[in-house]
Protein backbone atom coordinates (compact mmCIF):
# COMPACT_ATOMS: atom_id res chain seq x y z
CA UNK A 1 81.98 104.63 101.03
CA UNK A 2 79.03 102.13 101.19
CA UNK A 3 80.35 99.24 99.19
CA UNK A 4 79.42 95.66 99.25
CA UNK A 5 82.48 93.33 99.96
CA UNK A 6 82.10 89.43 99.21
CA UNK A 7 79.57 87.02 97.92
CA UNK A 8 77.00 86.74 95.26
CA UNK A 9 75.70 90.13 95.54
CA UNK A 10 75.51 93.71 94.35
CA UNK A 11 73.97 97.24 95.06
CA UNK A 12 70.49 96.96 94.68
CA UNK A 13 69.50 100.52 93.41
CA UNK A 14 66.63 101.03 91.36
CA UNK A 15 66.94 103.09 88.36
CA UNK A 16 64.99 106.11 87.98
CA UNK A 17 63.78 108.76 90.34
CA UNK A 18 60.19 107.08 90.60
CA UNK A 19 61.74 103.95 92.34
CA UNK A 20 62.73 103.57 95.81
CA UNK A 21 66.74 103.24 95.90
CA UNK A 22 68.42 100.69 98.24
CA UNK A 23 71.42 102.49 98.93
CA UNK A 24 69.50 105.92 98.74
CA UNK A 25 72.32 108.30 100.48
CA UNK A 26 76.10 108.12 100.87
CA UNK A 27 78.28 110.42 102.77
CA UNK A 28 78.43 114.10 101.91
CA UNK A 29 81.62 115.44 101.30
CA UNK A 30 81.13 117.84 104.55
CA UNK A 31 82.37 115.10 107.18
CA UNK A 32 79.58 116.01 109.44
CA UNK A 33 79.94 113.14 111.54
CA UNK A 34 83.11 114.43 113.09
CA UNK A 35 82.54 118.24 112.79
CA UNK A 36 79.02 118.45 113.94
CA UNK A 37 79.34 116.33 117.04
CA UNK A 38 77.86 117.67 120.40
CA UNK A 39 79.54 116.76 123.55
CA UNK A 40 76.22 116.78 125.39
CA UNK A 41 74.09 113.56 125.51
CA UNK A 42 71.27 113.80 122.54
CA UNK A 43 68.45 115.95 123.40
CA UNK A 44 64.84 114.43 122.94
CA UNK A 45 63.67 114.89 119.37
CA UNK A 46 60.06 114.25 118.52
CA UNK A 47 59.45 112.46 115.42
CA UNK A 48 56.90 114.55 113.72
CA UNK A 49 55.35 114.54 110.39
CA UNK A 50 57.92 115.97 107.59
CA UNK A 51 57.89 116.46 103.86
CA UNK A 52 60.16 113.89 103.13
CA UNK A 53 60.36 115.49 99.74
CA UNK A 54 62.29 118.29 101.27
CA UNK A 55 64.82 115.46 102.46
CA UNK A 56 65.24 114.48 98.75
CA UNK A 57 65.41 118.19 97.17
CA UNK A 58 68.29 119.09 99.88
CA UNK A 59 70.27 116.78 98.15
CA UNK A 60 70.76 114.01 100.82
CA UNK A 61 70.06 111.41 98.08
CA UNK A 62 72.85 112.39 95.97
CA UNK A 63 75.29 109.39 95.30
CA UNK A 64 78.06 111.73 93.87
CA UNK A 65 77.65 115.52 95.02
CA UNK A 66 80.33 116.27 92.58
CA UNK A 67 80.09 114.44 89.26
CA UNK A 68 82.58 116.45 87.20
CA UNK A 69 85.32 117.39 89.50
CA UNK A 70 88.18 119.61 88.35
CA UNK A 71 91.02 117.60 86.84
CA UNK A 72 93.44 119.27 89.39
CA UNK A 73 91.91 118.01 92.99
CA UNK A 74 94.69 117.33 94.95
CA UNK A 75 94.80 120.28 97.02
CA UNK A 76 91.77 118.61 98.86
CA UNK A 77 94.08 115.49 99.74
CA UNK A 78 96.37 115.66 102.62
CA UNK A 79 100.15 116.30 101.67
CA UNK A 80 100.75 112.27 102.51
CA UNK A 81 98.45 111.12 99.38
CA UNK A 82 98.85 113.95 96.68
CA UNK A 83 100.46 113.01 93.57
CA UNK A 84 103.35 114.62 93.57
CA UNK A 85 105.25 116.55 90.33
CA UNK A 86 107.46 113.45 89.88
CA UNK A 87 104.46 111.64 89.07
CA UNK A 88 104.68 108.90 92.12
CA UNK A 89 101.60 107.27 93.19
CA UNK A 90 100.04 108.92 96.36
CA UNK A 91 99.35 106.65 99.19
CA UNK A 92 95.74 106.53 100.53
CA UNK A 93 96.78 104.26 103.34
CA UNK A 94 99.50 106.55 104.33
CA UNK A 95 102.55 104.31 103.52
CA UNK A 96 103.78 101.92 100.61
CA UNK A 97 102.48 98.20 100.59
CA UNK A 98 103.55 94.93 99.01
CA UNK A 99 102.45 94.33 95.69
CA UNK A 100 99.25 92.35 95.85
CA UNK A 101 99.71 90.55 92.77
CA UNK A 102 102.83 89.14 94.11
CA UNK A 103 100.88 87.38 97.15
CA UNK A 104 97.60 86.64 95.52
CA UNK A 105 96.15 85.65 92.20
CA UNK A 106 92.74 87.91 91.43
CA UNK A 107 90.02 85.78 89.61
CA UNK A 108 86.34 86.23 88.96
CA UNK A 109 84.55 89.26 89.59
CA UNK A 110 82.12 88.67 92.82
CA UNK A 111 80.23 92.00 93.07
CA UNK A 112 80.06 95.70 92.02
CA UNK A 113 79.56 98.74 94.36
CA UNK A 114 79.61 102.28 93.96
CA UNK A 115 83.52 102.81 94.48
CA UNK A 116 84.72 99.20 94.35
CA UNK A 117 84.68 95.91 92.67
CA UNK A 118 85.00 92.52 94.71
CA UNK A 119 86.83 89.78 93.10
CA UNK A 120 87.45 85.99 94.06
CA UNK A 121 91.49 85.82 95.04
CA UNK A 122 93.79 83.03 95.78
CA UNK A 123 96.88 83.38 98.08
CA UNK A 124 99.57 82.10 96.14
CA UNK A 125 101.67 80.50 99.23
CA UNK A 126 98.43 78.51 100.50
CA UNK A 127 95.83 78.34 97.97
CA UNK A 128 93.29 79.56 100.34
CA UNK A 129 90.36 81.74 98.63
CA UNK A 130 89.63 85.02 99.83
CA UNK A 131 87.59 88.05 98.53
CA UNK A 132 89.50 91.15 97.48
CA UNK A 133 87.39 94.51 97.29
CA UNK A 134 89.31 96.86 95.10
CA UNK A 135 88.64 100.55 95.36
CA UNK A 136 89.70 102.90 92.71
CA UNK A 137 91.52 105.76 93.82
CA UNK A 138 90.17 107.86 91.09
CA UNK A 139 86.74 107.90 92.70
CA UNK A 140 88.27 109.18 95.72
CA UNK A 141 87.90 112.84 95.04
CA UNK A 142 88.33 114.54 98.25
CA UNK A 143 89.74 114.36 101.40
CA UNK A 144 86.62 112.98 103.00
CA UNK A 145 86.55 110.07 100.74
CA UNK A 146 89.97 108.98 101.29
CA UNK A 147 89.46 109.31 105.05
CA UNK A 148 86.15 106.97 104.68
CA UNK A 149 88.46 104.33 103.08
CA UNK A 150 90.93 104.60 106.12
CA UNK A 151 88.15 104.32 108.64
CA UNK A 152 86.32 101.15 107.16
CA UNK A 153 89.71 99.60 107.26
CA UNK A 154 90.41 100.52 110.73
CA UNK A 155 86.96 99.35 111.88
CA UNK A 156 87.19 96.10 110.36
CA UNK A 157 90.53 95.60 112.08
CA UNK A 158 89.04 97.04 115.31
CA UNK A 159 86.20 94.52 115.20
CA UNK A 160 88.41 91.51 114.14
CA UNK A 161 87.60 88.31 116.12
CA UNK A 162 84.09 88.19 116.37
CA UNK A 163 82.56 85.13 114.56
CA UNK A 164 79.77 86.86 112.79
CA UNK A 165 81.72 89.97 111.48
CA UNK A 166 83.82 89.54 108.27
CA UNK A 167 87.51 88.71 109.10
CA UNK A 168 89.85 91.43 107.25
CA UNK A 169 93.43 89.60 106.26
CA UNK A 170 95.18 92.54 105.19
CA UNK A 171 95.36 95.88 103.17
CA UNK A 172 97.37 96.74 100.03
CA UNK A 173 97.56 99.65 97.66
CA UNK A 174 99.02 100.20 94.25
CA UNK A 175 98.90 103.27 91.79
CA UNK A 176 95.12 102.48 90.87
CA UNK A 177 93.61 100.88 93.69
CA UNK A 178 93.45 100.24 97.59
CA UNK A 179 92.89 96.51 97.60
CA UNK A 180 91.04 94.94 100.94
CA UNK A 181 91.57 91.32 101.25
CA UNK A 182 89.06 89.27 103.66
CA UNK A 183 87.38 85.94 104.23
CA UNK A 184 85.25 84.84 101.28
CA UNK A 185 81.73 84.21 102.39
CA UNK A 186 80.45 81.96 99.41
CA UNK A 187 76.96 81.07 100.59
CA UNK A 188 75.03 84.06 99.23
CA UNK A 189 73.14 86.98 100.83
CA UNK A 190 70.65 86.73 103.50
CA UNK A 191 68.43 88.90 101.36
CA UNK A 192 68.46 86.22 98.51
CA UNK A 193 67.53 83.47 101.10
CA UNK A 194 64.73 85.76 102.46
CA UNK A 195 63.24 86.00 98.71
CA UNK A 196 63.69 82.36 98.34
CA UNK A 197 61.84 81.15 101.64
CA UNK A 198 59.19 83.90 101.52
CA UNK A 199 59.80 84.05 105.27
CA UNK A 200 61.07 82.22 108.16
CA UNK A 201 59.30 80.17 111.12
CA UNK A 202 59.44 82.37 114.36
CA UNK A 203 61.93 79.95 115.93
CA UNK A 204 64.58 80.13 112.93
CA UNK A 205 63.92 84.12 112.90
CA UNK A 206 64.52 84.19 116.75
CA UNK A 207 67.96 82.60 115.84
CA UNK A 208 68.98 84.81 113.09
CA UNK A 209 67.98 87.94 114.93
CA UNK A 210 70.05 86.81 117.78
CA UNK A 211 72.97 86.49 115.63
CA UNK A 212 72.18 90.16 113.78
CA UNK A 213 71.46 91.92 117.16
CA UNK A 214 74.52 90.11 118.71
CA UNK A 215 76.53 91.82 116.04
CA UNK A 216 75.24 95.26 116.77
CA UNK A 217 75.81 94.76 120.58
CA UNK A 218 79.36 93.88 119.90
CA UNK A 219 79.89 96.85 117.64
CA UNK A 220 78.13 99.45 119.93
CA UNK A 221 80.06 98.04 122.96
CA UNK A 222 83.45 98.77 120.70
CA UNK A 223 82.33 102.19 120.01
CA UNK A 224 80.90 101.34 116.09
CA UNK A 225 77.78 102.20 114.72
CA UNK A 226 77.41 100.43 111.57
CA UNK A 227 74.67 102.93 109.72
CA UNK A 228 73.71 100.33 107.08
CA UNK A 229 72.34 97.18 108.40
CA UNK A 230 70.26 95.18 105.88
CA UNK A 231 69.85 91.83 104.54
CA UNK A 232 71.98 92.26 101.60
CA UNK A 233 75.13 92.96 104.11
CA UNK A 234 74.79 89.64 105.69
CA UNK A 235 76.43 86.93 103.79
CA UNK A 236 76.48 83.00 104.63
CA UNK A 237 79.69 81.59 104.89
CA UNK A 238 77.93 78.23 103.91
CA UNK A 239 74.98 78.04 101.41
CA UNK A 240 73.49 74.94 103.42
CA UNK A 241 73.53 76.74 106.88
CA UNK A 242 71.33 79.74 107.72
CA UNK A 243 72.96 80.66 110.61
CA UNK A 244 76.44 80.92 109.22
CA UNK A 245 75.76 84.72 108.90
CA UNK A 246 78.81 87.10 108.57
CA UNK A 247 78.07 91.21 108.61
CA UNK A 248 80.04 92.86 105.81
CA UNK A 249 80.28 96.43 104.27
CA UNK A 250 81.71 98.90 106.89
CA UNK A 251 81.80 101.79 104.45
CA UNK A 252 79.45 103.96 105.95
CA UNK A 253 80.46 102.72 109.64
CA UNK A 254 81.95 105.09 112.27
CA UNK A 255 83.44 105.38 115.44
CA UNK A 256 81.19 107.28 118.41
CA UNK A 257 81.14 108.05 121.97
CA UNK A 258 78.30 108.46 124.21
CA UNK A 259 76.18 111.48 123.88
CA UNK A 260 77.42 112.13 120.23
CA UNK A 261 74.84 113.46 117.73
CA UNK A 262 75.16 112.52 114.00
CA UNK A 263 73.57 114.57 111.56
CA UNK A 264 74.56 113.29 108.12
CA UNK A 265 71.86 111.26 106.61
CA UNK A 266 72.87 107.61 105.55
CA UNK A 267 71.34 104.32 104.72
CA UNK A 268 68.92 102.78 102.71
CA UNK A 269 65.31 103.65 102.30
CA UNK A 270 63.44 100.44 104.10
CA UNK A 271 65.62 100.41 106.99
CA UNK A 272 66.60 103.90 107.73
CA UNK A 273 65.25 105.29 111.23
CA UNK A 274 63.12 108.12 111.66
CA UNK A 275 65.80 110.16 113.65
CA UNK A 276 68.30 109.62 110.70
CA UNK A 277 65.72 111.37 108.41
CA UNK A 278 65.60 114.25 111.02
CA UNK A 279 69.31 114.27 111.17
CA UNK A 280 69.41 113.85 114.90
CA UNK A 281 70.84 110.21 115.90
CA UNK A 282 72.89 107.75 117.55
CA UNK A 283 73.66 103.93 117.68
CA UNK A 284 69.95 103.49 118.63
CA UNK A 285 69.38 103.73 114.73
CA UNK A 286 70.80 100.41 114.43
CA UNK A 287 68.37 98.87 116.54
CA UNK A 288 65.54 100.39 114.69
CA UNK A 289 67.10 98.78 111.54
CA UNK A 290 67.43 95.30 113.10
CA UNK A 291 63.99 95.73 113.99
CA UNK A 292 62.99 96.14 110.36
CA UNK A 293 64.94 93.17 109.37
CA UNK A 294 63.33 91.01 111.98
CA UNK A 295 59.76 92.33 110.47
CA UNK A 296 60.92 91.30 107.13
CA UNK A 297 62.17 87.73 108.53
CA UNK A 298 58.67 86.77 110.03
CA UNK A 299 56.40 88.20 107.04
CA UNK A 300 58.52 88.62 104.05
CA UNK A 301 57.84 92.25 103.39
CA UNK A 302 59.11 95.31 104.97
CA UNK A 303 57.17 97.37 107.65
CA UNK A 304 57.56 100.68 105.80
CA UNK A 305 56.93 100.31 101.92
CA UNK A 306 55.98 102.42 99.04
CA UNK A 307 56.67 103.01 95.45
CA UNK A 308 58.87 105.77 95.86
CA UNK A 309 61.65 107.17 98.21
CA UNK A 310 59.43 109.91 99.09
CA UNK A 311 56.29 107.38 100.02
CA UNK A 312 59.11 104.99 102.07
CA UNK A 313 60.35 108.39 104.17
CA UNK A 314 56.54 109.36 105.00
CA UNK A 315 55.82 105.85 106.12
CA UNK A 316 58.85 105.73 108.20
CA UNK A 317 58.23 108.95 110.13
CA UNK A 318 54.48 108.05 110.47
CA UNK A 319 55.65 104.71 112.48
CA UNK A 320 52.60 102.60 111.86
CA UNK A 321 53.37 98.84 111.85
CA UNK A 322 50.82 96.83 110.22
CA UNK A 323 50.08 93.44 112.49
CA UNK A 324 46.61 92.95 110.81
CA UNK A 325 47.78 91.45 107.26
CA UNK A 326 48.84 87.87 106.81
CA UNK A 327 50.65 86.30 108.35
CA UNK A 328 50.75 88.54 111.48
CA UNK A 329 47.51 87.03 113.16
CA UNK A 330 49.20 83.73 113.32
CA UNK A 331 52.53 85.28 114.75
CA UNK A 332 53.10 85.12 118.57
CA UNK A 333 51.96 88.06 120.71
CA UNK A 334 55.86 88.16 122.34
CA UNK A 335 57.35 88.63 118.53
CA UNK A 336 55.05 91.60 118.04
CA UNK A 337 55.91 92.73 121.32
CA UNK A 338 59.60 92.70 120.64
CA UNK A 339 59.11 94.35 117.04
CA UNK A 340 57.04 97.28 118.70
CA UNK A 341 59.62 97.85 121.29
CA UNK A 342 62.96 97.92 118.57
CA UNK A 343 60.64 100.01 116.12
CA UNK A 344 59.64 102.73 118.72
CA UNK A 345 59.93 106.20 117.06
CA UNK A 346 61.62 107.63 119.95
CA UNK A 347 65.23 106.55 120.20
CA UNK A 348 65.11 107.16 124.18
CA UNK A 349 62.29 104.71 124.22
CA UNK A 350 63.67 101.86 122.28
CA UNK A 351 65.34 98.96 123.48
CA UNK A 352 69.13 98.77 123.20
CA UNK A 353 70.78 95.84 121.76
CA UNK A 354 71.58 94.12 124.94
CA UNK A 355 67.96 94.38 125.78
CA UNK A 356 66.91 92.92 122.70
CA UNK A 357 69.03 89.57 123.49
CA UNK A 358 67.24 89.67 126.72
CA UNK A 359 63.61 89.79 125.27
CA UNK A 360 61.92 86.47 126.25
CA UNK A 361 61.39 85.83 122.49
CA UNK A 362 64.87 85.60 121.70
CA UNK A 363 67.05 84.99 124.51
CA UNK A 364 68.32 81.54 125.59
CA UNK A 365 65.50 79.08 126.11
CA UNK A 366 63.17 81.73 124.26
CA UNK A 367 59.59 81.37 123.82
CA UNK A 368 59.48 81.42 119.96
CA UNK A 369 57.50 78.60 118.59
CA UNK A 370 59.07 75.59 117.29
CA UNK A 371 57.41 73.75 114.30
CA UNK A 372 59.98 70.57 114.36
CA UNK A 373 57.02 68.28 115.70
CA UNK A 374 54.81 69.33 112.93
CA UNK A 375 57.38 69.38 110.35
CA UNK A 376 58.04 65.64 111.19
CA UNK A 377 54.53 64.87 111.13
CA UNK A 378 54.24 66.60 107.10
CA UNK A 379 56.96 64.80 106.13
CA UNK A 380 55.34 61.31 106.99
CA UNK A 381 52.06 62.08 105.74
CA UNK A 382 53.55 63.43 102.40
CA UNK A 383 55.52 59.92 102.11
CA UNK A 384 52.51 58.17 102.69
CA UNK A 385 51.07 59.75 99.28
CA UNK A 386 54.31 58.80 97.42
CA UNK A 387 56.30 62.12 97.53
CA UNK A 388 59.58 61.80 96.29
CA UNK A 389 60.62 65.13 97.65
CA UNK A 390 63.94 65.61 99.68
CA UNK A 391 63.95 66.44 103.35
CA UNK A 392 65.03 69.74 102.61
CA UNK A 393 62.34 70.45 99.81
CA UNK A 394 59.61 69.42 102.46
CA UNK A 395 61.06 71.23 105.07
CA UNK A 396 61.69 74.77 103.49
CA UNK A 397 58.03 75.59 102.44
CA UNK A 398 56.75 74.62 106.08
CA UNK A 399 59.68 76.44 107.83
CA UNK A 400 58.19 79.44 105.80
CA UNK A 401 54.87 78.98 106.14
CA UNK A 402 54.95 77.93 109.64
CA UNK A 403 51.51 75.91 109.87
CA UNK A 404 50.70 72.54 109.54
CA UNK A 405 47.61 72.97 107.36
CA UNK A 406 50.18 73.21 104.41
CA UNK A 407 49.90 69.50 104.61
CA UNK A 408 46.53 69.43 103.02
CA UNK A 409 47.85 71.33 100.05
CA UNK A 410 50.73 69.41 99.84
CA UNK A 411 48.70 66.02 99.76
CA UNK A 412 46.27 67.58 96.91
CA UNK A 413 49.27 68.23 94.88
CA UNK A 414 50.62 64.73 95.13
CA UNK A 415 47.43 63.22 94.49
CA UNK A 416 47.08 65.20 91.24
CA UNK A 417 50.52 63.79 90.38
CA UNK A 418 52.00 67.46 89.95
CA UNK A 419 55.37 66.90 92.32
CA UNK A 420 56.78 69.64 90.61
CA UNK A 421 54.82 72.43 92.45
CA UNK A 422 55.64 71.09 95.89
CA UNK A 423 59.07 72.63 95.16
CA UNK A 424 58.11 75.86 94.65
CA UNK A 425 58.59 77.89 98.31
CA UNK A 426 55.77 80.41 98.77
CA UNK A 427 56.37 83.94 97.66
CA UNK A 428 55.01 87.51 98.81
CA UNK A 429 54.75 90.90 97.95
CA UNK A 430 58.15 91.59 98.45
CA UNK A 431 59.58 88.98 96.50
CA UNK A 432 57.12 89.97 93.68
CA UNK A 433 58.23 93.80 94.00
CA UNK A 434 62.17 92.74 93.91
CA UNK A 435 61.63 90.28 91.08
CA UNK A 436 59.75 93.28 89.10
CA UNK A 437 62.35 95.42 89.62
CA UNK A 438 65.66 93.18 89.31
CA UNK A 439 66.26 93.80 85.90
CA UNK A 440 66.60 97.61 86.61
CA UNK A 441 68.75 97.24 89.75
CA UNK A 442 72.07 98.76 89.70
CA UNK A 443 74.87 96.17 90.29
């Protein structure tokens, strides 16, 4: 049930088998996460070359393994949620709830996922705005689908109280939908912010990574593996504050115990860990994914990239990290050291979330470079040349580029009187790739 939940977003699936899909794998109908666990510690798995075409052909990438279910599919559902002969609605939540429309007014659609649609909703008694994720019950065709919804709600309640995890308010159910009401994050996706900026300075990337990995550490400490971390699943509460991040979408998340081995292949192509593709993994996979996000924050491009899913999987399994292309020659050795340790192919060799937070580049008073002095110099110089750009318009390109020599480029632009160009943030190949495919992305 890997659905997005609130903010201006949508699943970014590319149409056509030749293009990589963002949400490439959903849970199979066999609940292998629970039935195939081992009570022993995970054995060491050597990441070897594997034909990723086999992974696709074996059906792991099918969004709906049973697109044409038989009309009478209630036999797969537990008695508490079957539709009875008296035509009474079954209860996914296991009990009757209040009518959501007596408590909230549903408004504009905010986003669309595979199983659910998210709407703006307003609490009648207070006027406070929330996000409401409505999951269609007719799409819950198996017992496992129902359990996924229940587990998503359970995990959100289990993690409640963390400042960087979206807060669930309540869950409701009617004859057609399960409704999850949660706090509204109206600032957009981290994904779109990366596209806008190009990439971040080291200091800002370190602050964002501290938030992201802090969420991972909190989840792991409470026995939860997210399994679908990506910039699209981090929303901003405030559009003007890059650090007001909240993790959303626990549709693929699971509870785990130390030593449990998971075998179902889930996640998103650019971010999936090699051991997930090899069907033998644990919570270390979340750290790999956070390492991929860090690489993107600093460079604007994913470390493992190709035009097709097969190519992406091959690159992930190969594990080569490019530190030669721009802007990596300008990035500190400490940042590259952290990325290498988060993207080690052997899960046992990878840093834990706690270890990442203790790394010199990211910890309190860390060593990530601060470009604030250079930015002040840039602002003063541009104004000497008659720039009328706002502070934010001056700061954003500098934050993305991280180098003072962009000042000369701005000066040349201002002297030509073409101030409008100064408002264009720097773009990179990820931006070009995403813009080229956005028209075909599934909402």
